[in-house]
PDB file of all heavy atoms in Angstrom:
ATOM      1  N   LYS A   1       0.371  -9.990  12.653  1.00  0.00           N
ATOM      2  CA  LYS A   1       1.762  -9.571  13.003  1.00  0.00           C
ATOM      3  C   LYS A   1       1.969  -8.120  12.420  1.00  0.00           C
ATOM      4  O   LYS A   1       2.524  -7.247  13.043  1.00  0.00           O
ATOM      5  CB  LYS A   1       2.742 -10.498  12.494  1.00  0.00           C
ATOM      6  CG  LYS A   1       4.216 -10.135  12.649  1.00  0.00           C
ATOM      7  CD  LYS A   1       4.655  -9.972  14.110  1.00  0.00           C
ATOM      8  CE  LYS A   1       6.134  -9.687  14.100  1.00  0.00           C
ATOM      9  NZ  LYS A   1       6.586  -9.384  15.563  1.00  0.00           N
ATOM     10  N   ILE A   2       1.612  -7.955  11.180  1.00  0.00           N
ATOM     11  CA  ILE A   2       1.751  -6.645  10.544  1.00  0.00           C
ATOM     12  C   ILE A   2       1.074  -5.600  11.335  1.00  0.00           C
ATOM     13  O   ILE A   2       1.643  -4.473  11.603  1.00  0.00           O
ATOM     14  CB  ILE A   2       1.059  -6.685   9.089  1.00  0.00           C
ATOM     15  CG1 ILE A   2       1.968  -7.388   8.120  1.00  0.00           C
ATOM     16  CG2 ILE A   2       0.795  -5.226   8.598  1.00  0.00           C
ATOM     17  CD1 ILE A   2       3.271  -6.657   7.782  1.00  0.00           C
ATOM     18  N   LYS A   3      -0.102  -5.812  11.909  1.00  0.00           N
ATOM     19  CA  LYS A   3      -0.834  -4.801  12.605  1.00  0.00           C
ATOM     20  C   LYS A   3      -0.279  -4.553  14.043  1.00  0.00           C
ATOM     21  O   LYS A   3      -0.599  -3.535  14.709  1.00  0.00           O
ATOM     22  CB  LYS A   3      -2.287  -5.139  12.687  1.00  0.00           C
ATOM     23  CG  LYS A   3      -2.956  -5.003  11.417  1.00  0.00           C
ATOM     24  CD  LYS A   3      -4.423  -5.561  11.329  1.00  0.00           C
ATOM     25  CE  LYS A   3      -4.974  -5.495   9.893  1.00  0.00           C
ATOM     26  NZ  LYS A   3      -6.269  -6.103   9.838  1.00  0.00           N
ATOM     27  N   GLU A   4       0.755  -5.318  14.436  1.00  0.00           N
ATOM     28  CA  GLU A   4       1.510  -5.049  15.646  1.00  0.00           C
ATOM     29  C   GLU A   4       2.570  -3.893  15.463  1.00  0.00           C
ATOM     30  O   GLU A   4       2.935  -3.198  16.369  1.00  0.00           O
ATOM     31  CB  GLU A   4       2.203  -6.282  16.239  1.00  0.00           C
ATOM     32  CG  GLU A   4       1.207  -7.371  16.656  1.00  0.00           C
ATOM     33  CD  GLU A   4       1.949  -8.619  17.108  1.00  0.00           C
ATOM     34  OE1 GLU A   4       3.184  -8.680  17.083  1.00  0.00           O
ATOM     35  OE2 GLU A   4       1.196  -9.666  17.566  1.00  0.00           O
ATOM     36  N   ASN A   5       2.970  -3.766  14.127  1.00  0.00           N
ATOM     37  CA  ASN A   5       3.999  -2.856  13.844  1.00  0.00           C
ATOM     38  C   ASN A   5       3.541  -1.628  13.106  1.00  0.00           C
ATOM     39  O   ASN A   5       4.097  -0.608  13.121  1.00  0.00           O
ATOM     40  CB  ASN A   5       5.118  -3.626  13.001  1.00  0.00           C
ATOM     41  CG  ASN A   5       5.882  -4.709  13.810  1.00  0.00           C
ATOM     42  OD1 ASN A   5       5.466  -5.864  13.751  1.00  0.00           O
ATOM     43  ND2 ASN A   5       6.893  -4.377  14.565  1.00  0.00           N
ATOM     44  N   PHE A   6       2.487  -1.905  12.228  1.00  0.00           N
ATOM     45  CA  PHE A   6       2.048  -0.784  11.322  1.00  0.00           C
ATOM     46  C   PHE A   6       0.727  -0.346  11.669  1.00  0.00           C
ATOM     47  O   PHE A   6      -0.256  -1.117  12.111  1.00  0.00           O
ATOM     48  CB  PHE A   6       2.057  -1.338   9.868  1.00  0.00           C
ATOM     49  CG  PHE A   6       3.338  -1.816   9.327  1.00  0.00           C
ATOM     50  CD1 PHE A   6       3.843  -3.087   9.538  1.00  0.00           C
ATOM     51  CD2 PHE A   6       4.144  -0.862   8.682  1.00  0.00           C
ATOM     52  CE1 PHE A   6       5.065  -3.438   9.032  1.00  0.00           C
ATOM     53  CE2 PHE A   6       5.376  -1.266   8.133  1.00  0.00           C
ATOM     54  CZ  PHE A   6       5.797  -2.509   8.300  1.00  0.00           C
ATOM     55  N   ILE A   7       0.525   0.934  11.497  1.00  0.00           N
ATOM     56  CA  ILE A   7      -0.792   1.570  11.765  1.00  0.00           C
ATOM     57  C   ILE A   7      -1.363   2.007  10.423  1.00  0.00           C
ATOM     58  O   ILE A   7      -0.726   2.834   9.746  1.00  0.00           O
ATOM     59  CB  ILE A   7      -0.732   2.775  12.766  1.00  0.00           C
ATOM     60  CG1 ILE A   7      -0.112   2.325  14.067  1.00  0.00           C
ATOM     61  CG2 ILE A   7      -2.000   3.479  12.867  1.00  0.00           C
ATOM     62  CD1 ILE A   7       0.170   3.463  15.031  1.00  0.00           C
ATOM     63  N   PHE A   8      -2.516   1.488  10.056  1.00  0.00           N
ATOM     64  CA  PHE A   8      -3.098   1.854   8.821  1.00  0.00           C
ATOM     65  C   PHE A   8      -3.925   3.175   8.965  1.00  0.00           C
ATOM     66  O   PHE A   8      -4.714   3.338   9.846  1.00  0.00           O
ATOM     67  CB  PHE A   8      -4.085   0.801   8.312  1.00  0.00           C
ATOM     68  CG  PHE A   8      -3.450  -0.485   7.858  1.00  0.00           C
ATOM     69  CD1 PHE A   8      -4.176  -1.567   7.469  1.00  0.00           C
ATOM     70  CD2 PHE A   8      -2.042  -0.586   7.778  1.00  0.00           C
ATOM     71  CE1 PHE A   8      -3.523  -2.759   7.130  1.00  0.00           C
ATOM     72  CE2 PHE A   8      -1.434  -1.694   7.416  1.00  0.00           C
ATOM     73  CZ  PHE A   8      -2.181  -2.807   7.014  1.00  0.00           C
ATOM     74  N   ALA A   9      -3.601   4.128   7.983  1.00  0.00           N
ATOM     75  CA  ALA A   9      -4.308   5.414   7.995  1.00  0.00           C
ATOM     76  C   ALA A   9      -5.763   5.187   7.772  1.00  0.00           C
ATOM     77  O   ALA A   9      -6.213   4.327   7.050  1.00  0.00           O
ATOM     78  CB  ALA A   9      -3.674   6.316   6.903  1.00  0.00           C
ATOM     79  N   LYS A  10      -6.493   6.128   8.243  1.00  0.00           N
ATOM     80  CA  LYS A  10      -7.984   6.132   8.008  1.00  0.00           C
ATOM     81  C   LYS A  10      -8.244   6.315   6.612  1.00  0.00           C
ATOM     82  O   LYS A  10      -7.718   7.177   5.868  1.00  0.00           O
ATOM     83  CB  LYS A  10      -8.651   7.228   8.794  1.00  0.00           C
ATOM     84  CG  LYS A  10     -10.120   7.291   8.737  1.00  0.00           C
ATOM     85  CD  LYS A  10     -10.748   8.362   9.572  1.00  0.00           C
ATOM     86  CE  LYS A  10     -12.319   8.400   9.452  1.00  0.00           C
ATOM     87  NZ  LYS A  10     -12.912   9.396  10.306  1.00  0.00           N
ATOM     88  N   GLY A  11      -9.103   5.527   5.974  1.00  0.00           N
ATOM     89  CA  GLY A  11      -9.411   5.568   4.549  1.00  0.00           C
ATOM     90  C   GLY A  11      -8.280   5.122   3.714  1.00  0.00           C
ATOM     91  O   GLY A  11      -8.208   5.464   2.519  1.00  0.00           O
ATOM     92  N   ILE A  12      -7.360   4.187   4.240  1.00  0.00           N
ATOM     93  CA  ILE A  12      -6.211   3.767   3.465  1.00  0.00           C
ATOM     94  C   ILE A  12      -6.598   3.112   2.191  1.00  0.00           C
ATOM     95  O   ILE A  12      -7.638   2.449   2.045  1.00  0.00           O
ATOM     96  CB  ILE A  12      -5.488   2.753   4.394  1.00  0.00           C
ATOM     97  CG1 ILE A  12      -4.059   2.406   3.736  1.00  0.00           C
ATOM     98  CG2 ILE A  12      -6.236   1.475   4.632  1.00  0.00           C
ATOM     99  CD1 ILE A  12      -3.177   1.634   4.653  1.00  0.00           C
ATOM    100  N   LYS A  13      -5.838   3.272   1.119  1.00  0.00           N
ATOM    101  CA  LYS A  13      -6.043   2.691  -0.168  1.00  0.00           C
ATOM    102  C   LYS A  13      -5.172   1.406  -0.293  1.00  0.00           C
ATOM    103  O   LYS A  13      -3.976   1.423   0.059  1.00  0.00           O
ATOM    104  CB  LYS A  13      -5.653   3.615  -1.213  1.00  0.00           C
ATOM    105  CG  LYS A  13      -6.510   4.874  -1.294  1.00  0.00           C
ATOM    106  CD  LYS A  13      -6.405   5.597  -2.596  1.00  0.00           C
ATOM    107  CE  LYS A  13      -7.418   6.721  -2.607  1.00  0.00           C
ATOM    108  NZ  LYS A  13      -7.551   7.375  -3.977  1.00  0.00           N
ATOM    109  N   ALA A  14      -5.750   0.366  -0.796  1.00  0.00           N
ATOM    110  CA  ALA A  14      -5.019  -0.859  -1.008  1.00  0.00           C
ATOM    111  C   ALA A  14      -5.250  -1.310  -2.518  1.00  0.00           C
ATOM    112  O   ALA A  14      -6.279  -1.070  -3.118  1.00  0.00           O
ATOM    113  CB  ALA A  14      -5.607  -2.054  -0.112  1.00  0.00           C
ATOM    114  N   TYR A  15      -4.179  -1.898  -3.060  1.00  0.00           N
ATOM    115  CA  TYR A  15      -4.197  -2.291  -4.390  1.00  0.00           C
ATOM    116  C   TYR A  15      -3.689  -3.750  -4.563  1.00  0.00           C
ATOM    117  O   TYR A  15      -2.805  -4.230  -3.787  1.00  0.00           O
ATOM    118  CB  TYR A  15      -3.326  -1.350  -5.192  1.00  0.00           C
ATOM    119  CG  TYR A  15      -3.656   0.087  -5.125  1.00  0.00           C
ATOM    120  CD1 TYR A  15      -3.069   0.821  -4.010  1.00  0.00           C
ATOM    121  CD2 TYR A  15      -4.427   0.767  -6.055  1.00  0.00           C
ATOM    122  CE1 TYR A  15      -3.406   2.176  -3.901  1.00  0.00           C
ATOM    123  CE2 TYR A  15      -4.668   2.085  -5.950  1.00  0.00           C
ATOM    124  CZ  TYR A  15      -4.215   2.799  -4.831  1.00  0.00           C
ATOM    125  OH  TYR A  15      -4.430   4.167  -4.754  1.00  0.00           O
ATOM    126  N   VAL A  16      -4.152  -4.521  -5.577  1.00  0.00           N
ATOM    127  CA  VAL A  16      -3.753  -5.803  -5.854  1.00  0.00           C
ATOM    128  C   VAL A  16      -3.419  -5.912  -7.326  1.00  0.00           C
ATOM    129  O   VAL A  16      -4.254  -5.465  -8.176  1.00  0.00           O
ATOM    130  CB  VAL A  16      -4.815  -6.876  -5.435  1.00  0.00           C
ATOM    131  CG1 VAL A  16      -4.399  -8.268  -5.820  1.00  0.00           C
ATOM    132  CG2 VAL A  16      -5.150  -6.803  -3.989  1.00  0.00           C
ATOM    133  N   SER A  17      -2.307  -6.432  -7.687  1.00  0.00           N
ATOM    134  CA  SER A  17      -1.859  -6.538  -9.052  1.00  0.00           C
ATOM    135  C   SER A  17      -1.002  -7.747  -9.285  1.00  0.00           C
ATOM    136  O   SER A  17      -0.598  -8.404  -8.323  1.00  0.00           O
ATOM    137  CB  SER A  17      -1.074  -5.240  -9.533  1.00  0.00           C
ATOM    138  OG  SER A  17       0.190  -5.245  -8.933  1.00  0.00           O
ATOM    139  N   ASP A  18      -0.773  -8.036 -10.512  1.00  0.00           N
ATOM    140  CA  ASP A  18       0.201  -9.172 -10.766  1.00  0.00           C
ATOM    141  C   ASP A  18       1.613  -8.658 -10.754  1.00  0.00           C
ATOM    142  O   ASP A  18       2.500  -9.407 -10.228  1.00  0.00           O
ATOM    143  CB  ASP A  18      -0.174  -9.744 -12.167  1.00  0.00           C
ATOM    144  CG  ASP A  18       0.323 -11.238 -12.277  1.00  0.00           C
ATOM    145  OD1 ASP A  18       0.443 -11.817 -11.226  1.00  0.00           O
ATOM    146  OD2 ASP A  18       0.535 -11.699 -13.435  1.00  0.00           O
ATOM    147  N   SER A  19       1.864  -7.518 -11.312  1.00  0.00           N
ATOM    148  CA  SER A  19       3.306  -7.012 -11.452  1.00  0.00           C
ATOM    149  C   SER A  19       3.539  -6.057 -10.202  1.00  0.00           C
ATOM    150  O   SER A  19       2.718  -5.230  -9.850  1.00  0.00           O
ATOM    151  CB  SER A  19       3.440  -6.232 -12.682  1.00  0.00           C
ATOM    152  OG  SER A  19       4.684  -5.560 -12.744  1.00  0.00           O
ATOM    153  N   HIS A  20       4.735  -6.215  -9.752  1.00  0.00           N
ATOM    154  CA  HIS A  20       5.158  -5.346  -8.612  1.00  0.00           C
ATOM    155  C   HIS A  20       5.509  -3.981  -9.049  1.00  0.00           C
ATOM    156  O   HIS A  20       5.657  -3.082  -8.267  1.00  0.00           O
ATOM    157  CB  HIS A  20       6.364  -5.931  -7.834  1.00  0.00           C
ATOM    158  CG  HIS A  20       6.224  -5.784  -6.416  1.00  0.00           C
ATOM    159  ND1 HIS A  20       6.665  -6.776  -5.488  1.00  0.00           N
ATOM    160  CD2 HIS A  20       5.849  -4.881  -5.650  1.00  0.00           C
ATOM    161  CE1 HIS A  20       6.449  -6.358  -4.241  1.00  0.00           C
ATOM    162  NE2 HIS A  20       5.927  -5.156  -4.330  1.00  0.00           N
ATOM    163  N   THR A  21       5.598  -3.771 -10.368  1.00  0.00           N
ATOM    164  CA  THR A  21       5.931  -2.398 -10.887  1.00  0.00           C
ATOM    165  C   THR A  21       4.932  -1.333 -10.419  1.00  0.00           C
ATOM    166  O   THR A  21       5.281  -0.225 -10.295  1.00  0.00           O
ATOM    167  CB  THR A  21       5.977  -2.556 -12.468  1.00  0.00           C
ATOM    168  OG1 THR A  21       6.840  -3.544 -12.812  1.00  0.00           O
ATOM    169  CG2 THR A  21       6.391  -1.134 -13.015  1.00  0.00           C
ATOM    170  N   LEU A  22       3.691  -1.822 -10.244  1.00  0.00           N
ATOM    171  CA  LEU A  22       2.668  -0.875  -9.718  1.00  0.00           C
ATOM    172  C   LEU A  22       3.064  -0.142  -8.463  1.00  0.00           C
ATOM    173  O   LEU A  22       2.638   1.019  -8.306  1.00  0.00           O
ATOM    174  CB  LEU A  22       1.326  -1.621  -9.551  1.00  0.00           C
ATOM    175  CG  LEU A  22       0.139  -0.781  -9.136  1.00  0.00           C
ATOM    176  CD1 LEU A  22      -0.181   0.147 -10.301  1.00  0.00           C
ATOM    177  CD2 LEU A  22      -0.987  -1.672  -8.829  1.00  0.00           C
ATOM    178  N   SER A  23       3.876  -0.681  -7.688  1.00  0.00           N
ATOM    179  CA  SER A  23       4.396   0.015  -6.458  1.00  0.00           C
ATOM    180  C   SER A  23       5.057   1.360  -6.742  1.00  0.00           C
ATOM    181  O   SER A  23       4.938   2.253  -5.889  1.00  0.00           O
ATOM    182  CB  SER A  23       5.300  -0.948  -5.646  1.00  0.00           C
ATOM    183  OG  SER A  23       4.534  -1.740  -4.821  1.00  0.00           O
ATOM    184  N   TYR A  24       5.709   1.419  -7.796  1.00  0.00           N
ATOM    185  CA  TYR A  24       6.379   2.653  -8.172  1.00  0.00           C
ATOM    186  C   TYR A  24       5.318   3.793  -8.415  1.00  0.00           C
ATOM    187  O   TYR A  24       5.421   4.901  -7.835  1.00  0.00           O
ATOM    188  CB  TYR A  24       7.120   2.478  -9.499  1.00  0.00           C
ATOM    189  CG  TYR A  24       7.860   3.744  -9.958  1.00  0.00           C
ATOM    190  CD1 TYR A  24       9.222   3.962  -9.593  1.00  0.00           C
ATOM    191  CD2 TYR A  24       7.299   4.687 -10.899  1.00  0.00           C
ATOM    192  CE1 TYR A  24       9.924   5.045  -9.974  1.00  0.00           C
ATOM    193  CE2 TYR A  24       8.001   5.804 -11.244  1.00  0.00           C
ATOM    194  CZ  TYR A  24       9.271   5.973 -10.849  1.00  0.00           C
ATOM    195  OH  TYR A  24       9.967   7.144 -11.246  1.00  0.00           O
ATOM    196  N   ASP A  25       4.153   3.406  -9.064  1.00  0.00           N
ATOM    197  CA  ASP A  25       3.184   4.387  -9.354  1.00  0.00           C
ATOM    198  C   ASP A  25       2.432   4.749  -8.059  1.00  0.00           C
ATOM    199  O   ASP A  25       2.135   5.958  -7.843  1.00  0.00           O
ATOM    200  CB  ASP A  25       2.170   3.930 -10.409  1.00  0.00           C
ATOM    201  CG  ASP A  25       2.857   3.642 -11.700  1.00  0.00           C
ATOM    202  OD1 ASP A  25       3.797   4.437 -12.079  1.00  0.00           O
ATOM    203  OD2 ASP A  25       2.431   2.725 -12.452  1.00  0.00           O
ATOM    204  N   ILE A  26       2.156   3.749  -7.256  1.00  0.00           N
ATOM    205  CA  ILE A  26       1.395   4.053  -6.031  1.00  0.00           C
ATOM    206  C   ILE A  26       2.247   4.973  -5.123  1.00  0.00           C
ATOM    207  O   ILE A  26       1.646   5.910  -4.462  1.00  0.00           O
ATOM    208  CB  ILE A  26       1.180   2.687  -5.288  1.00  0.00           C
ATOM    209  CG1 ILE A  26       0.209   1.855  -6.131  1.00  0.00           C
ATOM    210  CG2 ILE A  26       0.496   2.948  -3.946  1.00  0.00           C
ATOM    211  CD1 ILE A  26       0.072   0.416  -5.576  1.00  0.00           C
ATOM    212  N   ALA A  27       3.419   4.735  -4.954  1.00  0.00           N
ATOM    213  CA  ALA A  27       4.369   5.512  -4.078  1.00  0.00           C
ATOM    214  C   ALA A  27       4.352   6.950  -4.546  1.00  0.00           C
ATOM    215  O   ALA A  27       4.303   7.889  -3.742  1.00  0.00           O
ATOM    216  CB  ALA A  27       5.705   4.891  -4.012  1.00  0.00           C
ATOM    217  N   ARG A  28       4.454   7.160  -5.859  1.00  0.00           N
ATOM    218  CA  ARG A  28       4.402   8.539  -6.361  1.00  0.00           C
ATOM    219  C   ARG A  28       3.099   9.166  -6.166  1.00  0.00           C
ATOM    220  O   ARG A  28       3.072  10.343  -5.724  1.00  0.00           O
ATOM    221  CB  ARG A  28       4.772   8.468  -7.834  1.00  0.00           C
ATOM    222  CG  ARG A  28       6.213   8.135  -8.155  1.00  0.00           C
ATOM    223  CD  ARG A  28       6.412   8.230  -9.758  1.00  0.00           C
ATOM    224  NE  ARG A  28       6.050   9.423 -10.287  1.00  0.00           N
ATOM    225  CZ  ARG A  28       6.057   9.690 -11.536  1.00  0.00           C
ATOM    226  NH1 ARG A  28       6.366   8.781 -12.440  1.00  0.00           N
ATOM    227  NH2 ARG A  28       5.693  10.895 -12.040  1.00  0.00           N
ATOM    228  N   GLU A  29       2.040   8.464  -6.526  1.00  0.00           N
ATOM    229  CA  GLU A  29       0.723   9.100  -6.477  1.00  0.00           C
ATOM    230  C   GLU A  29       0.293   9.435  -5.040  1.00  0.00           C
ATOM    231  O   GLU A  29      -0.437  10.398  -4.816  1.00  0.00           O
ATOM    232  CB  GLU A  29      -0.379   8.144  -7.173  1.00  0.00           C
ATOM    233  CG  GLU A  29      -0.135   8.046  -8.705  1.00  0.00           C
ATOM    234  CD  GLU A  29      -0.914   6.951  -9.260  1.00  0.00           C
ATOM    235  OE1 GLU A  29      -1.714   6.292  -8.456  1.00  0.00           O
ATOM    236  OE2 GLU A  29      -0.761   6.681 -10.444  1.00  0.00           O
ATOM    237  N   GLN A  30       0.684   8.565  -4.093  1.00  0.00           N
ATOM    238  CA  GLN A  30       0.327   8.746  -2.730  1.00  0.00           C
ATOM    239  C   GLN A  30       1.271   9.579  -1.887  1.00  0.00           C
ATOM    240  O   GLN A  30       1.050   9.957  -0.765  1.00  0.00           O
ATOM    241  CB  GLN A  30       0.247   7.319  -2.013  1.00  0.00           C
ATOM    242  CG  GLN A  30      -0.896   6.485  -2.551  1.00  0.00           C
ATOM    243  CD  GLN A  30      -2.267   7.033  -2.278  1.00  0.00           C
ATOM    244  OE1 GLN A  30      -2.535   7.537  -1.253  1.00  0.00           O
ATOM    245  NE2 GLN A  30      -3.136   6.914  -3.317  1.00  0.00           N
TER     246      GLN A  30
END
């Protein structure tokens, strides 16, 4: 379902963590 709405960029980076706080850093860095 996600791939019906979202297009992943070529070479996309994915991250897995326990804390959602990491999203703050990812959004800034990317």
